[in-house]
């Protein structure tokens, strides 16, 4: 099946980038090898579009890119192809649920990152990752919530984040998509803003059947695109639940797992 792949869709953090957020020379070379083989390469992430911009030139991206887990699909010139905001009532319910269970909250609109406490856990880490700073607000107003593309619940209690993921899925049902993008981050987006829908959208935009799309990722929010694609690869740094949902497992991101996956599972079969 994976010898007929025409598009390769990759998660960013923990997959394409190392733990230290480095895009290695081997990863860049693997993307160039894909292009030479006629295979389209695309990326998707829970990051905002502004936090993915630094990858466009090094990877030579020239097609649709999916930020906010598909909440915003945009071109390399940053123009928006399509976007999905959270319903206002769903945004309010999400904030109440996550705050009520003890998580900190961040809010992303299409352009801005809003936080309440600049000294909260992971704010400095996220600022370094996305390459822009947050706007500090005393509280999240109805005007803020009306513009929400993604709500992030944050805690260093990983079991609590996992429990909140299930609570959001059970309580909010089909009004949101709630998946962990890191053990300490719970991403809540519009129900059409998940990586499974990203795969479907890229299939439509490029006129490529889902069976001819391969995906690679490391976290639970990558599982929806695993299920939609013709062939899926879990990173070696994934947990066992994520690995169990993939067709293959590569090495970890610290040992060039992305580049190894390209050459072992995508290019080698195509050239065999």
Protein backbone atom coordinates (compact mmCIF):
# COMPACT_ATOMS: atom_id res chain seq x y z
CA UNK A 1 0.00 0.00 0.00
CA UNK A 2 2.70 2.52 1.01
CA UNK A 3 4.56 2.11 -2.29
CA UNK A 4 1.87 4.30 -3.92
CA UNK A 5 2.15 7.29 -1.59
CA UNK A 6 1.77 10.68 -3.30
CA UNK A 7 1.55 12.95 -0.22
CA UNK A 8 3.32 12.70 3.14
CA UNK A 9 1.75 14.63 6.04
CA UNK A 10 3.87 15.20 9.16
CA UNK A 11 3.28 16.49 12.64
CA UNK A 12 5.85 19.07 13.77
CA UNK A 13 6.83 18.94 17.47
CA UNK A 14 8.15 15.56 18.55
CA UNK A 15 8.11 14.34 14.95
CA UNK A 16 9.74 16.66 12.44
CA UNK A 17 11.55 18.66 15.15
CA UNK A 18 13.74 17.28 17.91
CA UNK A 19 12.99 17.71 21.61
CA UNK A 20 15.01 20.94 21.46
CA UNK A 21 12.93 22.18 18.48
CA UNK A 22 15.72 21.65 15.96
CA UNK A 23 15.04 20.87 12.31
CA UNK A 24 18.02 18.66 11.52
CA UNK A 25 19.94 18.62 8.27
CA UNK A 26 18.94 14.99 7.78
CA UNK A 27 15.26 15.87 8.14
CA UNK A 28 15.62 18.63 5.55
CA UNK A 29 17.44 16.24 3.22
CA UNK A 30 14.66 13.67 3.60
CA UNK A 31 12.08 16.27 2.56
CA UNK A 32 14.17 17.13 -0.49
CA UNK A 33 14.31 13.41 -1.31
CA UNK A 34 10.52 13.24 -1.14
CA UNK A 35 10.22 16.17 -3.52
CA UNK A 36 12.65 14.59 -5.98
CA UNK A 37 10.51 11.44 -5.88
CA UNK A 38 7.44 13.49 -6.80
CA UNK A 39 5.84 13.14 -3.34
CA UNK A 40 4.17 16.23 -1.86
CA UNK A 41 5.23 17.07 1.69
CA UNK A 42 2.89 18.89 4.08
CA UNK A 43 2.89 19.72 7.78
CA UNK A 44 0.21 20.04 10.43
CA UNK A 45 0.51 21.17 14.03
CA UNK A 46 -1.32 22.51 17.03
CA UNK A 47 0.92 25.57 16.63
CA UNK A 48 -0.55 28.84 15.35
CA UNK A 49 0.32 29.75 11.75
CA UNK A 50 2.81 32.36 12.99
CA UNK A 51 4.55 29.59 14.94
CA UNK A 52 5.02 27.50 11.77
CA UNK A 53 6.30 30.26 9.51
CA UNK A 54 9.97 29.55 10.30
CA UNK A 55 9.65 26.08 8.71
CA UNK A 56 8.34 27.22 5.31
CA UNK A 57 11.62 28.28 3.70
CA UNK A 58 13.90 25.54 5.14
CA UNK A 59 11.47 22.85 3.96
CA UNK A 60 10.60 24.52 0.65
CA UNK A 61 6.89 24.26 1.42
CA UNK A 62 4.72 25.42 -1.48
CA UNK A 63 1.29 23.98 -0.65
CA UNK A 64 -1.36 24.16 2.06
CA UNK A 65 -0.20 24.15 5.70
CA UNK A 66 -2.45 23.29 8.67
CA UNK A 67 -2.09 25.23 11.92
CA UNK A 68 -4.14 24.83 15.09
CA UNK A 69 -4.65 21.12 14.20
CA UNK A 70 -6.55 22.30 11.11
CA UNK A 71 -8.24 25.28 12.73
CA UNK A 72 -6.54 27.43 10.10
CA UNK A 73 -5.42 26.10 6.70
CA UNK A 74 -3.08 28.60 5.06
CA UNK A 75 -0.72 29.15 2.15
CA UNK A 76 3.05 29.67 2.47
CA UNK A 77 2.47 33.44 2.02
CA UNK A 78 0.32 33.20 5.20
CA UNK A 79 -2.95 33.89 3.35
CA UNK A 80 -5.83 31.86 4.80
CA UNK A 81 -7.47 29.13 2.75
CA UNK A 82 -10.08 28.23 5.36
CA UNK A 83 -10.56 28.51 9.12
CA UNK A 84 -12.78 27.07 11.85
CA UNK A 85 -13.58 29.05 14.99
CA UNK A 86 -15.02 27.48 18.10
CA UNK A 87 -18.69 28.15 18.73
CA UNK A 88 -19.06 30.80 21.47
CA UNK A 89 -21.09 28.54 23.75
CA UNK A 90 -18.59 25.70 23.30
CA UNK A 91 -15.71 28.06 24.06
CA UNK A 92 -17.38 29.20 27.29
CA UNK A 93 -18.10 25.62 28.36
CA UNK A 94 -14.52 24.60 27.62
CA UNK A 95 -13.04 27.40 29.70
CA UNK A 96 -15.38 26.62 32.60
CA UNK A 97 -14.60 22.90 32.46
CA UNK A 98 -10.82 23.25 32.28
CA UNK A 99 -10.52 25.99 34.87
CA UNK A 100 -12.90 24.09 37.14
CA UNK A 101 -10.62 21.05 37.01
CA UNK A 102 -7.49 23.04 37.81
CA UNK A 103 -5.86 23.59 34.42
CA UNK A 104 -4.40 26.92 33.34
CA UNK A 105 -5.88 28.31 30.11
CA UNK A 106 -4.47 29.93 27.00
CA UNK A 107 -6.61 31.22 24.14
CA UNK A 108 -5.56 31.56 20.52
CA UNK A 109 -7.35 33.61 17.89
CA UNK A 110 -6.27 33.48 14.25
CA UNK A 111 -3.57 36.08 15.04
CA UNK A 112 -3.12 36.41 18.80
CA UNK A 113 -2.14 34.32 21.82
CA UNK A 114 -3.89 35.43 25.00
CA UNK A 115 -2.82 34.45 28.53
CA UNK A 116 -3.69 35.60 32.04
CA UNK A 117 -0.37 34.99 33.79
CA UNK A 118 2.98 35.57 32.04
CA UNK A 119 4.75 33.55 34.75
CA UNK A 120 2.54 30.46 34.40
CA UNK A 121 4.13 27.11 33.49
CA UNK A 122 5.27 26.69 29.88
CA UNK A 123 4.69 30.29 28.79
CA UNK A 124 8.42 30.92 28.31
CA UNK A 125 8.81 27.53 26.61
CA UNK A 126 5.94 28.25 24.21
CA UNK A 127 7.22 31.74 23.42
CA UNK A 128 10.52 30.21 22.34
CA UNK A 129 8.73 27.57 20.26
CA UNK A 130 6.34 29.80 18.32
CA UNK A 131 8.70 32.81 18.03
CA UNK A 132 6.22 35.44 19.22
CA UNK A 133 4.97 36.65 22.56
CA UNK A 134 1.60 36.35 24.25
CA UNK A 135 -0.77 39.19 25.07
CA UNK A 136 -1.57 39.31 28.79
CA UNK A 137 -5.21 39.98 29.67
CA UNK A 138 -6.84 40.10 33.13
CA UNK A 139 -9.58 37.73 32.03
CA UNK A 140 -11.06 36.18 28.91
CA UNK A 141 -13.98 38.32 27.78
CA UNK A 142 -16.93 37.35 25.55
CA UNK A 143 -15.18 39.32 22.78
CA UNK A 144 -12.09 37.10 23.16
CA UNK A 145 -14.16 33.91 23.22
CA UNK A 146 -16.02 34.93 20.06
CA UNK A 147 -12.70 34.89 18.16
CA UNK A 148 -11.28 31.61 19.50
CA UNK A 149 -9.63 29.13 17.15
CA UNK A 150 -7.97 27.07 19.90
CA UNK A 151 -8.11 26.80 23.68
CA UNK A 152 -5.19 25.12 25.43
CA UNK A 153 -5.43 23.62 28.91
CA UNK A 154 -2.05 23.36 30.62
CA UNK A 155 -0.75 21.44 33.62
CA UNK A 156 2.39 19.57 34.61
CA UNK A 157 0.10 16.96 36.17
CA UNK A 158 -0.03 14.73 33.09
CA UNK A 159 -2.69 12.43 34.55
CA UNK A 160 -4.91 15.45 35.14
CA UNK A 161 -4.47 16.60 31.53
CA UNK A 162 -5.42 13.11 30.32
CA UNK A 163 -8.48 13.08 32.59
CA UNK A 164 -9.52 16.51 31.32
CA UNK A 165 -9.17 15.28 27.74
CA UNK A 166 -11.69 12.52 28.45
CA UNK A 167 -13.97 14.87 30.39
CA UNK A 168 -14.00 17.36 27.51
CA UNK A 169 -14.72 14.61 25.00
CA UNK A 170 -17.51 13.18 27.15
CA UNK A 171 -19.04 16.47 28.29
CA UNK A 172 -18.76 18.61 25.17
CA UNK A 173 -19.40 15.82 22.72
CA UNK A 174 -19.46 16.82 19.07
CA UNK A 175 -19.18 20.56 19.75
CA UNK A 176 -15.37 20.42 20.04
CA UNK A 177 -12.33 18.33 19.19
CA UNK A 178 -10.26 17.71 22.35
CA UNK A 179 -6.89 15.97 22.07
CA UNK A 180 -3.53 16.17 23.86
CA UNK A 181 -0.76 17.66 21.70
CA UNK A 182 1.79 17.19 24.51
CA UNK A 183 1.48 15.38 27.85
CA UNK A 184 1.04 18.82 29.44
CA UNK A 185 -1.16 20.44 26.74
CA UNK A 186 -4.81 19.74 25.94
CA UNK A 187 -5.88 21.35 22.65
CA UNK A 188 -9.57 22.14 22.21
CA UNK A 189 -10.67 23.23 18.75
CA UNK A 190 -13.69 23.25 16.44
CA UNK A 191 -14.86 19.68 15.67
CA UNK A 192 -13.69 20.16 12.07
CA UNK A 193 -10.26 21.25 13.33
CA UNK A 194 -8.48 17.97 13.89
CA UNK A 195 -5.73 16.24 12.01
CA UNK A 196 -8.06 13.66 10.50
CA UNK A 197 -9.93 16.48 8.79
CA UNK A 198 -6.56 17.95 7.75
CA UNK A 199 -5.82 14.74 5.86
CA UNK A 200 -9.24 14.87 4.19
CA UNK A 201 -8.77 18.55 3.29
CA UNK A 202 -5.35 17.93 1.72
CA UNK A 203 -6.82 14.99 -0.18
CA UNK A 204 -9.42 17.37 -1.65
CA UNK A 205 -7.04 20.26 -2.34
CA UNK A 206 -4.47 18.06 -4.10
CA UNK A 207 -6.98 15.64 -5.64
CA UNK A 208 -5.15 12.69 -4.07
CA UNK A 209 -7.08 9.74 -2.59
CA UNK A 210 -6.65 9.24 1.15
CA UNK A 211 -5.25 5.78 0.41
CA UNK A 212 -2.28 7.52 -1.25
CA UNK A 213 -1.54 9.77 1.74
CA UNK A 214 0.89 8.72 4.49
CA UNK A 215 1.04 10.36 7.93
CA UNK A 216 3.56 10.50 10.76
CA UNK A 217 3.20 11.73 14.33
CA UNK A 218 3.85 11.10 18.00
CA UNK A 219 0.85 12.19 20.11
CA UNK A 220 -2.83 11.30 20.61
CA UNK A 221 -3.90 14.25 18.45
CA UNK A 222 -2.13 12.54 15.52
CA UNK A 223 -4.32 9.43 15.73
CA UNK A 224 -7.23 10.97 13.76
CA UNK A 225 -4.95 11.46 10.74
CA UNK A 226 -3.55 7.94 11.18
CA UNK A 227 -7.10 6.62 10.83
CA UNK A 228 -7.82 8.60 7.67
CA UNK A 229 -4.60 7.96 5.78
CA UNK A 230 -3.52 5.01 3.71
CA UNK A 231 -0.37 4.42 5.75
CA UNK A 232 0.59 5.76 9.18
CA UNK A 233 3.86 5.91 11.11
CA UNK A 234 4.32 6.53 14.84
CA UNK A 235 7.51 8.01 16.20
CA UNK A 236 9.63 5.91 18.56
CA UNK A 237 9.05 8.53 21.27
CA UNK A 238 5.27 7.97 21.09
CA UNK A 239 3.49 6.18 23.90
CA UNK A 240 2.23 2.64 23.37
CA UNK A 241 -1.36 3.76 22.72
CA UNK A 242 -0.25 5.93 19.80
CA UNK A 243 2.06 3.23 18.44
CA UNK A 244 -0.79 0.73 18.53
CA UNK A 245 -2.82 2.96 16.17
CA UNK A 246 -0.10 3.18 13.51
CA UNK A 247 0.85 0.84 10.68
CA UNK A 248 4.57 1.19 11.45
CA UNK A 249 6.91 2.61 14.10
CA UNK A 250 10.14 4.49 13.38
CA UNK A 251 12.98 5.62 15.65
CA UNK A 252 12.65 8.51 18.10
CA UNK A 253 12.94 12.16 17.14
CA UNK A 254 16.33 12.28 18.93
CA UNK A 255 17.65 9.58 16.57
CA UNK A 256 16.43 10.94 13.21
CA UNK A 257 13.19 8.98 13.33
CA UNK A 258 11.52 11.24 10.75
CA UNK A 259 14.29 10.90 8.16
CA UNK A 260 14.54 7.16 8.78
CA UNK A 261 10.79 6.78 8.26
CA UNK A 262 10.93 8.64 4.94
CA UNK A 263 13.68 6.41 3.63
CA UNK A 264 12.48 3.10 5.04
CA UNK A 265 8.73 3.31 4.61
CA UNK A 266 8.08 5.85 1.86
CA UNK A 267 11.00 6.09 -0.58
CA UNK A 268 12.38 2.55 -0.42
CA UNK A 269 9.07 0.87 -1.34
CA UNK A 270 8.52 3.41 -4.11
CA UNK A 271 11.89 2.60 -5.66
CA UNK A 272 11.71 -1.17 -5.11
